[in-house]
Amino acid sequence: MPRGRRSSRRPYGTPPEPLDLDRALGGRRSESAADGEWTVQHVRGGSKTYTCPGCQQDVPAGTPHVVAWRSDALLGPEAAVEGRRHWHAACWQARHRRR
């Protein structure tokens, strides 16, 4: 049964705002740096253990981390999917100092 009072967040009759899929998918965004154009997404953690390309150590399962892939690759979307790498968030931020 509906409540007696209406929400003050969205006035009655106002259509809802469109869903921002990038935000809903974990904050996917594009970054431009000296090493190219990247698509970066923060993830809460998965069920696998990955090796961080920045420090060569494990990103344990269930650990929040960053998934990044080149978005300026000319080889197409299949190459971008295969080029995804799972980084510690700190390693991703410091990647330009490691080279």
PDB file of N, CA and C in Angstrom:
ATOM      1  N   MET A   1       0.842  -1.172   0.000  1.00  0.00           N
ATOM      2  CA  MET A   1       0.000   0.000   0.000  1.00  0.00           C
ATOM      3  C   MET A   1       0.894   1.245   0.000  1.00  0.00           C
ATOM      4  N   PRO A   2       0.621   2.231  -0.877  1.00  0.00           N
ATOM      5  CA  PRO A   2       1.462   3.419  -0.949  1.00  0.00           C
ATOM      6  C   PRO A   2       1.353   4.280   0.290  1.00  0.00           C
ATOM      7  N   ARG A   3       2.399   5.008   0.530  1.00  0.00           N
ATOM      8  CA  ARG A   3       2.419   5.931   1.666  1.00  0.00           C
ATOM      9  C   ARG A   3       1.512   7.123   1.407  1.00  0.00           C
ATOM     10  N   GLY A   4       1.162   7.790   2.473  1.00  0.00           N
ATOM     11  CA  GLY A   4       0.287   8.952   2.373  1.00  0.00           C
ATOM     12  C   GLY A   4       1.000  10.203   1.907  1.00  0.00           C
ATOM     13  N   ARG A   5       2.291  10.319   2.191  1.00  0.00           N
ATOM     14  CA  ARG A   5       2.996  11.536   1.778  1.00  0.00           C
ATOM     15  C   ARG A   5       3.962  11.209   0.643  1.00  0.00           C
ATOM     16  N   ARG A   6       4.153  12.175  -0.183  1.00  0.00           N
ATOM     17  CA  ARG A   6       5.020  11.987  -1.340  1.00  0.00           C
ATOM     18  C   ARG A   6       6.453  12.362  -0.985  1.00  0.00           C
ATOM     19  N   SER A   7       7.370  11.818  -1.745  1.00  0.00           N
ATOM     20  CA  SER A   7       8.779  12.112  -1.547  1.00  0.00           C
ATOM     21  C   SER A   7       9.081  13.554  -1.934  1.00  0.00           C
ATOM     22  N   SER A   8       9.930  14.186  -1.156  1.00  0.00           N
ATOM     23  CA  SER A   8      10.331  15.556  -1.483  1.00  0.00           C
ATOM     24  C   SER A   8      11.572  15.560  -2.386  1.00  0.00           C
ATOM     25  N   ARG A   9      12.138  14.402  -2.642  1.00  0.00           N
ATOM     26  CA  ARG A   9      13.332  14.333  -3.483  1.00  0.00           C
ATOM     27  C   ARG A   9      13.012  14.607  -4.946  1.00  0.00           C
ATOM     28  N   ARG A  10      11.881  14.102  -5.411  1.00  0.00           N
ATOM     29  CA  ARG A  10      11.491  14.310  -6.796  1.00  0.00           C
ATOM     30  C   ARG A  10      10.024  14.712  -6.800  1.00  0.00           C
ATOM     31  N   PRO A  11       9.718  15.929  -7.230  1.00  0.00           N
ATOM     32  CA  PRO A  11       8.334  16.382  -7.226  1.00  0.00           C
ATOM     33  C   PRO A  11       7.444  15.473  -8.069  1.00  0.00           C
ATOM     34  N   TYR A  12       6.214  15.383  -7.689  1.00  0.00           N
ATOM     35  CA  TYR A  12       5.244  14.538  -8.373  1.00  0.00           C
ATOM     36  C   TYR A  12       5.135  14.939  -9.839  1.00  0.00           C
ATOM     37  N   GLY A  13       5.155  13.954 -10.717  1.00  0.00           N
ATOM     38  CA  GLY A  13       5.021  14.201 -12.139  1.00  0.00           C
ATOM     39  C   GLY A  13       6.322  14.478 -12.853  1.00  0.00           C
ATOM     40  N   THR A  14       7.409  14.691 -12.135  1.00  0.00           N
ATOM     41  CA  THR A  14       8.711  14.938 -12.755  1.00  0.00           C
ATOM     42  C   THR A  14       9.319  13.598 -13.161  1.00  0.00           C
ATOM     43  N   PRO A  15       9.762  13.465 -14.408  1.00  0.00           N
ATOM     44  CA  PRO A  15      10.362  12.186 -14.813  1.00  0.00           C
ATOM     45  C   PRO A  15      11.694  11.964 -14.098  1.00  0.00           C
ATOM     46  N   PRO A  16      12.048  10.711 -13.863  1.00  0.00           N
ATOM     47  CA  PRO A  16      13.331  10.439 -13.214  1.00  0.00           C
ATOM     48  C   PRO A  16      14.496  10.828 -14.113  1.00  0.00           C
ATOM     49  N   GLU A  17      15.626  11.137 -13.491  1.00  0.00           N
ATOM     50  CA  GLU A  17      16.818  11.476 -14.262  1.00  0.00           C
ATOM     51  C   GLU A  17      17.358  10.216 -14.930  1.00  0.00           C
ATOM     52  N   PRO A  18      17.951  10.361 -16.114  1.00  0.00           N
ATOM     53  CA  PRO A  18      18.495   9.179 -16.789  1.00  0.00           C
ATOM     54  C   PRO A  18      19.642   8.565 -15.988  1.00  0.00           C
ATOM     55  N   LEU A  19      19.761   7.265 -16.076  1.00  0.00           N
ATOM     56  CA  LEU A  19      20.795   6.531 -15.364  1.00  0.00           C
ATOM     57  C   LEU A  19      22.143   6.776 -16.014  1.00  0.00           C
ATOM     58  N   ASP A  20      23.123   7.152 -15.225  1.00  0.00           N
ATOM     59  CA  ASP A  20      24.488   7.323 -15.713  1.00  0.00           C
ATOM     60  C   ASP A  20      25.155   5.959 -15.667  1.00  0.00           C
ATOM     61  N   LEU A  21      25.242   5.301 -16.826  1.00  0.00           N
ATOM     62  CA  LEU A  21      25.752   3.936 -16.865  1.00  0.00           C
ATOM     63  C   LEU A  21      27.205   3.851 -16.435  1.00  0.00           C
ATOM     64  N   ASP A  22      27.999   4.880 -16.759  1.00  0.00           N
ATOM     65  CA  ASP A  22      29.403   4.831 -16.332  1.00  0.00           C
ATOM     66  C   ASP A  22      29.509   4.799 -14.817  1.00  0.00           C
ATOM     67  N   ARG A  23      28.693   5.589 -14.147  1.00  0.00           N
ATOM     68  CA  ARG A  23      28.723   5.604 -12.684  1.00  0.00           C
ATOM     69  C   ARG A  23      28.145   4.295 -12.132  1.00  0.00           C
ATOM     70  N   ALA A  24      27.088   3.786 -12.752  1.00  0.00           N
ATOM     71  CA  ALA A  24      26.459   2.553 -12.285  1.00  0.00           C
ATOM     72  C   ALA A  24      27.381   1.361 -12.475  1.00  0.00           C
ATOM     73  N   LEU A  25      28.278   1.429 -13.448  1.00  0.00           N
ATOM     74  CA  LEU A  25      29.179   0.318 -13.719  1.00  0.00           C
ATOM     75  C   LEU A  25      30.484   0.423 -12.938  1.00  0.00           C
ATOM     76  N   GLY A  26      30.520   1.193 -11.898  1.00  0.00           N
ATOM     77  CA  GLY A  26      31.701   1.252 -11.055  1.00  0.00           C
ATOM     78  C   GLY A  26      32.582   2.448 -11.304  1.00  0.00           C
ATOM     79  N   GLY A  27      32.070   3.478 -11.929  1.00  0.00           N
ATOM     80  CA  GLY A  27      32.866   4.682 -12.120  1.00  0.00           C
ATOM     81  C   GLY A  27      33.833   4.590 -13.272  1.00  0.00           C
ATOM     82  N   ARG A  28      33.436   4.010 -14.376  1.00  0.00           N
ATOM     83  CA  ARG A  28      34.310   3.925 -15.543  1.00  0.00           C
ATOM     84  C   ARG A  28      34.531   5.330 -16.081  1.00  0.00           C
ATOM     85  N   ARG A  29      35.787   5.643 -16.386  1.00  0.00           N
ATOM     86  CA  ARG A  29      36.108   6.956 -16.909  1.00  0.00           C
ATOM     87  C   ARG A  29      37.310   6.854 -17.836  1.00  0.00           C
ATOM     88  N   SER A  30      37.557   7.908 -18.564  1.00  0.00           N
ATOM     89  CA  SER A  30      38.710   7.969 -19.464  1.00  0.00           C
ATOM     90  C   SER A  30      39.778   8.847 -18.833  1.00  0.00           C
ATOM     91  N   GLU A  31      41.019   8.433 -19.008  1.00  0.00           N
ATOM     92  CA  GLU A  31      42.159   9.209 -18.521  1.00  0.00           C
ATOM     93  C   GLU A  31      43.155   9.376 -19.645  1.00  0.00           C
ATOM     94  N   SER A  32      43.709  10.549 -19.716  1.00  0.00           N
ATOM     95  CA  SER A  32      44.740  10.842 -20.690  1.00  0.00           C
ATOM     96  C   SER A  32      46.036  11.119 -19.933  1.00  0.00           C
ATOM     97  N   ALA A  33      47.110  10.441 -20.334  1.00  0.00           N
ATOM     98  CA  ALA A  33      48.403  10.621 -19.679  1.00  0.00           C
ATOM     99  C   ALA A  33      49.500  10.521 -20.734  1.00  0.00           C
ATOM    100  N   ALA A  34      50.730  10.687 -20.306  1.00  0.00           N
ATOM    101  CA  ALA A  34      51.856  10.607 -21.227  1.00  0.00           C
ATOM    102  C   ALA A  34      51.966   9.226 -21.870  1.00  0.00           C
ATOM    103  N   ASP A  35      51.450   8.207 -21.182  1.00  0.00           N
ATOM    104  CA  ASP A  35      51.528   6.854 -21.723  1.00  0.00           C
ATOM    105  C   ASP A  35      50.298   6.465 -22.537  1.00  0.00           C
ATOM    106  N   GLY A  36      49.436   7.416 -22.879  1.00  0.00           N
ATOM    107  CA  GLY A  36      48.315   7.155 -23.771  1.00  0.00           C
ATOM    108  C   GLY A  36      46.966   7.435 -23.150  1.00  0.00           C
ATOM    109  N   GLU A  37      45.940   7.041 -23.888  1.00  0.00           N
ATOM    110  CA  GLU A  37      44.554   7.179 -23.448  1.00  0.00           C
ATOM    111  C   GLU A  37      44.136   5.862 -22.793  1.00  0.00           C
ATOM    112  N   TRP A  38      43.532   5.969 -21.618  1.00  0.00           N
ATOM    113  CA  TRP A  38      43.152   4.787 -20.854  1.00  0.00           C
ATOM    114  C   TRP A  38      41.688   4.863 -20.451  1.00  0.00           C
ATOM    115  N   THR A  39      41.044   3.719 -20.391  1.00  0.00           N
ATOM    116  CA  THR A  39      39.744   3.591 -19.764  1.00  0.00           C
ATOM    117  C   THR A  39      40.001   2.922 -18.429  1.00  0.00           C
ATOM    118  N   VAL A  40      39.505   3.544 -17.363  1.00  0.00           N
ATOM    119  CA  VAL A  40      39.808   3.101 -15.999  1.00  0.00           C
ATOM    120  C   VAL A  40      38.501   2.854 -15.262  1.00  0.00           C
ATOM    121  N   GLN A  41      38.448   1.747 -14.553  1.00  0.00           N
ATOM    122  CA  GLN A  41      37.266   1.418 -13.770  1.00  0.00           C
ATOM    123  C   GLN A  41      37.691   0.907 -12.407  1.00  0.00           C
ATOM    124  N   HIS A  42      37.079   1.452 -11.360  1.00  0.00           N
ATOM    125  CA  HIS A  42      37.317   0.967 -10.007  1.00  0.00           C
ATOM    126  C   HIS A  42      36.367  -0.187  -9.751  1.00  0.00           C
ATOM    127  N   VAL A  43      36.896  -1.275  -9.217  1.00  0.00           N
ATOM    128  CA  VAL A  43      36.074  -2.447  -8.909  1.00  0.00           C
ATOM    129  C   VAL A  43      36.217  -2.779  -7.431  1.00  0.00           C
ATOM    130  N   ARG A  44      35.202  -3.384  -6.890  1.00  0.00           N
ATOM    131  CA  ARG A  44      35.196  -3.720  -5.464  1.00  0.00           C
ATOM    132  C   ARG A  44      36.051  -4.933  -5.153  1.00  0.00           C
ATOM    133  N   GLY A  45      36.249  -5.755  -6.106  1.00  0.00           N
ATOM    134  CA  GLY A  45      37.033  -6.971  -5.901  1.00  0.00           C
ATOM    135  C   GLY A  45      36.326  -8.138  -6.534  1.00  0.00           C
ATOM    136  N   GLY A  46      37.071  -9.055  -7.025  1.00  0.00           N
ATOM    137  CA  GLY A  46      36.489 -10.200  -7.700  1.00  0.00           C
ATOM    138  C   GLY A  46      36.779 -11.485  -6.958  1.00  0.00           C
ATOM    139  N   SER A  47      36.598 -12.574  -7.677  1.00  0.00           N
ATOM    140  CA  SER A  47      36.807 -13.890  -7.074  1.00  0.00           C
ATOM    141  C   SER A  47      38.149 -14.489  -7.484  1.00  0.00           C
ATOM    142  N   LYS A  48      38.947 -13.735  -8.240  1.00  0.00           N
ATOM    143  CA  LYS A  48      40.243 -14.224  -8.684  1.00  0.00           C
ATOM    144  C   LYS A  48      41.357 -13.377  -8.084  1.00  0.00           C
ATOM    145  N   THR A  49      42.543 -13.937  -8.102  1.00  0.00           N
ATOM    146  CA  THR A  49      43.740 -13.197  -7.723  1.00  0.00           C
ATOM    147  C   THR A  49      44.442 -12.778  -9.004  1.00  0.00           C
ATOM    148  N   TYR A  50      44.826 -11.517  -9.098  1.00  0.00           N
ATOM    149  CA  TYR A  50      45.503 -10.979 -10.262  1.00  0.00           C
ATOM    150  C   TYR A  50      46.901 -10.526  -9.866  1.00  0.00           C
ATOM    151  N   THR A  51      47.771 -10.361 -10.851  1.00  0.00           N
ATOM    152  CA  THR A  51      49.100  -9.826 -10.617  1.00  0.00           C
ATOM    153  C   THR A  51      49.126  -8.384 -11.101  1.00  0.00           C
ATOM    154  N   CYS A  52      49.459  -7.471 -10.215  1.00  0.00           N
ATOM    155  CA  CYS A  52      49.519  -6.053 -10.533  1.00  0.00           C
ATOM    156  C   CYS A  52      50.729  -5.799 -11.440  1.00  0.00           C
ATOM    157  N   PRO A  53      50.543  -5.159 -12.607  1.00  0.00           N
ATOM    158  CA  PRO A  53      51.693  -4.882 -13.467  1.00  0.00           C
ATOM    159  C   PRO A  53      52.618  -3.804 -12.921  1.00  0.00           C
ATOM    160  N   GLY A  54      52.161  -3.043 -11.940  1.00  0.00           N
ATOM    161  CA  GLY A  54      52.991  -1.982 -11.370  1.00  0.00           C
ATOM    162  C   GLY A  54      54.040  -2.498 -10.406  1.00  0.00           C
ATOM    163  N   CYS A  55      53.629  -3.391  -9.495  1.00  0.00           N
ATOM    164  CA  CYS A  55      54.547  -3.873  -8.457  1.00  0.00           C
ATOM    165  C   CYS A  55      54.835  -5.364  -8.563  1.00  0.00           C
ATOM    166  N   GLN A  56      54.198  -6.039  -9.505  1.00  0.00           N
ATOM    167  CA  GLN A  56      54.374  -7.478  -9.720  1.00  0.00           C
ATOM    168  C   GLN A  56      53.962  -8.314  -8.515  1.00  0.00           C
ATOM    169  N   GLN A  57      53.098  -7.774  -7.655  1.00  0.00           N
ATOM    170  CA  GLN A  57      52.584  -8.524  -6.512  1.00  0.00           C
ATOM    171  C   GLN A  57      51.117  -8.842  -6.739  1.00  0.00           C
ATOM    172  N   ASP A  58      50.593  -9.763  -5.936  1.00  0.00           N
ATOM    173  CA  ASP A  58      49.209 -10.188  -6.100  1.00  0.00           C
ATOM    174  C   ASP A  58      48.218  -9.121  -5.665  1.00  0.00           C
ATOM    175  N   VAL A  59      47.118  -9.044  -6.408  1.00  0.00           N
ATOM    176  CA  VAL A  59      45.932  -8.300  -5.993  1.00  0.00           C
ATOM    177  C   VAL A  59      44.975  -9.393  -5.524  1.00  0.00           C
ATOM    178  N   PRO A  60      44.852  -9.607  -4.212  1.00  0.00           N
ATOM    179  CA  PRO A  60      44.067 -10.734  -3.712  1.00  0.00           C
ATOM    180  C   PRO A  60      42.588 -10.630  -4.084  1.00  0.00           C
ATOM    181  N   ALA A  61      41.950 -11.767  -4.162  1.00  0.00           N
ATOM    182  CA  ALA A  61      40.517 -11.807  -4.442  1.00  0.00           C
ATOM    183  C   ALA A  61      39.766 -11.023  -3.380  1.00  0.00           C
ATOM    184  N   GLY A  62      38.770 -10.271  -3.799  1.00  0.00           N
ATOM    185  CA  GLY A  62      37.953  -9.492  -2.876  1.00  0.00           C
ATOM    186  C   GLY A  62      38.530  -8.142  -2.500  1.00  0.00           C
ATOM    187  N   THR A  63      39.700  -7.789  -3.031  1.00  0.00           N
ATOM    188  CA  THR A  63      40.339  -6.510  -2.718  1.00  0.00           C
ATOM    189  C   THR A  63      39.914  -5.450  -3.732  1.00  0.00           C
ATOM    190  N   PRO A  64      39.466  -4.279  -3.284  1.00  0.00           N
ATOM    191  CA  PRO A  64      39.159  -3.215  -4.241  1.00  0.00           C
ATOM    192  C   PRO A  64      40.417  -2.818  -5.013  1.00  0.00           C
ATOM    193  N   HIS A  65      40.261  -2.636  -6.323  1.00  0.00           N
ATOM    194  CA  HIS A  65      41.404  -2.293  -7.162  1.00  0.00           C
ATOM    195  C   HIS A  65      40.925  -1.579  -8.415  1.00  0.00           C
ATOM    196  N   VAL A  66      41.845  -1.327  -9.346  1.00  0.00           N
ATOM    197  CA  VAL A  66      41.568  -0.600 -10.579  1.00  0.00           C
ATOM    198  C   VAL A  66      41.787  -1.541 -11.752  1.00  0.00           C
ATOM    199  N   VAL A  67      40.865  -1.503 -12.708  1.00  0.00           N
ATOM    200  CA  VAL A  67      41.045  -2.222 -13.968  1.00  0.00           C
ATOM    201  C   VAL A  67      41.235  -1.158 -15.039  1.00  0.00           C
ATOM    202  N   ALA A  68      42.311  -1.261 -15.809  1.00  0.00           N
ATOM    203  CA  ALA A  68      42.613  -0.255 -16.822  1.00  0.00           C
ATOM    204  C   ALA A  68      42.974  -0.934 -18.132  1.00  0.00           C
ATOM    205  N   TRP A  69      42.583  -0.296 -19.240  1.00  0.00           N
ATOM    206  CA  TRP A  69      42.945  -0.779 -20.555  1.00  0.00           C
ATOM    207  C   TRP A  69      43.086   0.401 -21.489  1.00  0.00           C
ATOM    208  N   ARG A  70      43.920   0.219 -22.518  1.00  0.00           N
ATOM    209  CA  ARG A  70      44.175   1.290 -23.478  1.00  0.00           C
ATOM    210  C   ARG A  70      42.922   1.552 -24.286  1.00  0.00           C
ATOM    211  N   SER A  71      42.513   2.785 -24.379  1.00  0.00           N
ATOM    212  CA  SER A  71      41.353   3.131 -25.194  1.00  0.00           C
ATOM    213  C   SER A  71      41.771   3.735 -26.526  1.00  0.00           C
ATOM    214  N   ASP A  72      43.055   3.985 -26.702  1.00  0.00           N
ATOM    215  CA  ASP A  72      43.528   4.527 -27.969  1.00  0.00           C
ATOM    216  C   ASP A  72      44.143   3.448 -28.855  1.00  0.00           C
ATOM    217  N   ALA A  73      43.925   2.191 -28.499  1.00  0.00           N
ATOM    218  CA  ALA A  73      44.466   1.091 -29.292  1.00  0.00           C
ATOM    219  C   ALA A  73      43.757   1.041 -30.642  1.00  0.00           C
ATOM    220  N   LEU A  74      44.526   0.852 -31.685  1.00  0.00           N
ATOM    221  CA  LEU A  74      43.969   0.814 -33.032  1.00  0.00           C
ATOM    222  C   LEU A  74      43.560  -0.594 -33.438  1.00  0.00           C
ATOM    223  N   LEU A  75      43.757  -1.556 -32.569  1.00  0.00           N
ATOM    224  CA  LEU A  75      43.501  -2.941 -32.923  1.00  0.00           C
ATOM    225  C   LEU A  75      42.059  -3.367 -32.718  1.00  0.00           C
ATOM    226  N   GLY A  76      41.244  -2.535 -32.104  1.00  0.00           N
ATOM    227  CA  GLY A  76      39.839  -2.862 -31.938  1.00  0.00           C
ATOM    228  C   GLY A  76      39.480  -3.259 -30.526  1.00  0.00           C
ATOM    229  N   PRO A  77      38.176  -3.482 -30.277  1.00  0.00           N
ATOM    230  CA  PRO A  77      37.710  -3.771 -28.912  1.00  0.00           C
ATOM    231  C   PRO A  77      38.193  -5.108 -28.367  1.00  0.00           C
ATOM    232  N   GLU A  78      38.426  -6.092 -29.241  1.00  0.00           N
ATOM    233  CA  GLU A  78      38.907  -7.386 -28.751  1.00  0.00           C
ATOM    234  C   GLU A  78      40.286  -7.245 -28.120  1.00  0.00           C
ATOM    235  N   ALA A  79      41.137  -6.441 -28.741  1.00  0.00           N
ATOM    236  CA  ALA A  79      42.480  -6.213 -28.192  1.00  0.00           C
ATOM    237  C   ALA A  79      42.400  -5.437 -26.887  1.00  0.00           C
ATOM    238  N   ALA A  80      41.444  -4.521 -26.782  1.00  0.00           N
ATOM    239  CA  ALA A  80      41.292  -3.755 -25.550  1.00  0.00           C
ATOM    240  C   ALA A  80      40.867  -4.652 -24.401  1.00  0.00           C
ATOM    241  N   VAL A  81      39.964  -5.590 -24.669  1.00  0.00           N
ATOM    242  CA  VAL A  81      39.515  -6.509 -23.623  1.00  0.00           C
ATOM    243  C   VAL A  81      40.664  -7.400 -23.171  1.00  0.00           C
ATOM    244  N   GLU A  82      41.449  -7.867 -24.111  1.00  0.00           N
ATOM    245  CA  GLU A  82      42.581  -8.712 -23.744  1.00  0.00           C
ATOM    246  C   GLU A  82      43.702  -7.910 -23.098  1.00  0.00           C
ATOM    247  N   GLY A  83      43.705  -6.597 -23.298  1.00  0.00           N
ATOM    248  CA  GLY A  83      44.734  -5.738 -22.724  1.00  0.00           C
ATOM    249  C   GLY A  83      44.378  -5.190 -21.354  1.00  0.00           C
ATOM    250  N   ARG A  84      43.257  -5.619 -20.773  1.00  0.00           N
ATOM    251  CA  ARG A  84      42.874  -5.138 -19.441  1.00  0.00           C
ATOM    252  C   ARG A  84      43.878  -5.631 -18.412  1.00  0.00           C
ATOM    253  N   ARG A  85      44.197  -4.759 -17.480  1.00  0.00           N
ATOM    254  CA  ARG A  85      45.112  -5.121 -16.403  1.00  0.00           C
ATOM    255  C   ARG A  85      44.517  -4.664 -15.079  1.00  0.00           C
ATOM    256  N   HIS A  86      44.710  -5.479 -14.063  1.00  0.00           N
ATOM    257  CA  HIS A  86      44.205  -5.205 -12.718  1.00  0.00           C
ATOM    258  C   HIS A  86      45.356  -4.660 -11.882  1.00  0.00           C
ATOM    259  N   TRP A  87      45.195  -3.427 -11.414  1.00  0.00           N
ATOM    260  CA  TRP A  87      46.235  -2.712 -10.676  1.00  0.00           C
ATOM    261  C   TRP A  87      45.772  -2.443  -9.254  1.00  0.00           C
ATOM    262  N   HIS A  88      46.726  -2.393  -8.314  1.00  0.00           N
ATOM    263  CA  HIS A  88      46.426  -1.777  -7.023  1.00  0.00           C
ATOM    264  C   HIS A  88      46.146  -0.303  -7.309  1.00  0.00           C
ATOM    265  N   ALA A  89      45.240   0.301  -6.576  1.00  0.00           N
ATOM    266  CA  ALA A  89      44.902   1.705  -6.828  1.00  0.00           C
ATOM    267  C   ALA A  89      46.132   2.607  -6.670  1.00  0.00           C
ATOM    268  N   ALA A  90      46.957   2.354  -5.681  1.00  0.00           N
ATOM    269  CA  ALA A  90      48.162   3.172  -5.464  1.00  0.00           C
ATOM    270  C   ALA A  90      49.175   2.965  -6.591  1.00  0.00           C
ATOM    271  N   CYS A  91      49.293   1.753  -7.076  1.00  0.00           N
ATOM    272  CA  CYS A  91      50.222   1.483  -8.183  1.00  0.00           C
ATOM    273  C   CYS A  91      49.754   2.178  -9.452  1.00  0.00           C
ATOM    274  N   TRP A  92      48.452   2.200  -9.694  1.00  0.00           N
ATOM    275  CA  TRP A  92      47.928   2.887 -10.871  1.00  0.00           C
ATOM    276  C   TRP A  92      48.237   4.383 -10.786  1.00  0.00           C
ATOM    277  N   GLN A  93      48.070   4.976  -9.615  1.00  0.00           N
ATOM    278  CA  GLN A  93      48.334   6.402  -9.456  1.00  0.00           C
ATOM    279  C   GLN A  93      49.826   6.720  -9.612  1.00  0.00           C
ATOM    280  N   ALA A  94      50.679   5.778  -9.247  1.00  0.00           N
ATOM    281  CA  ALA A  94      52.129   6.022  -9.278  1.00  0.00           C
ATOM    282  C   ALA A  94      52.819   5.411 -10.500  1.00  0.00           C
ATOM    283  N   ARG A  95      52.070   4.968 -11.498  1.00  0.00           N
ATOM    284  CA  ARG A  95      52.670   4.253 -12.618  1.00  0.00           C
ATOM    285  C   ARG A  95      53.671   5.095 -13.391  1.00  0.00           C
ATOM    286  N   HIS A  96      53.466   6.404 -13.474  1.00  0.00           N
ATOM    287  CA  HIS A  96      54.385   7.262 -14.220  1.00  0.00           C
ATOM    288  C   HIS A  96      55.738   7.427 -13.524  1.00  0.00           C
ATOM    289  N   ARG A  97      55.802   7.134 -12.226  1.00  0.00           N
ATOM    290  CA  ARG A  97      57.075   7.246 -11.495  1.00  0.00           C
ATOM    291  C   ARG A  97      57.880   5.961 -11.553  1.00  0.00           C
ATOM    292  N   ARG A  98      57.277   4.866 -11.967  1.00  0.00           N
ATOM    293  CA  ARG A  98      57.963   3.571 -11.963  1.00  0.00           C
ATOM    294  C   ARG A  98      58.763   3.305 -13.228  1.00  0.00           C
ATOM    295  N   ARG A  99      58.559   4.076 -14.255  1.00  0.00           N
ATOM    296  CA  ARG A  99      59.198   3.756 -15.540  1.00  0.00           C
ATOM    297  C   ARG A  99      60.525   4.412 -15.690  1.00  0.00           C
TER     298      ARG A  99
END
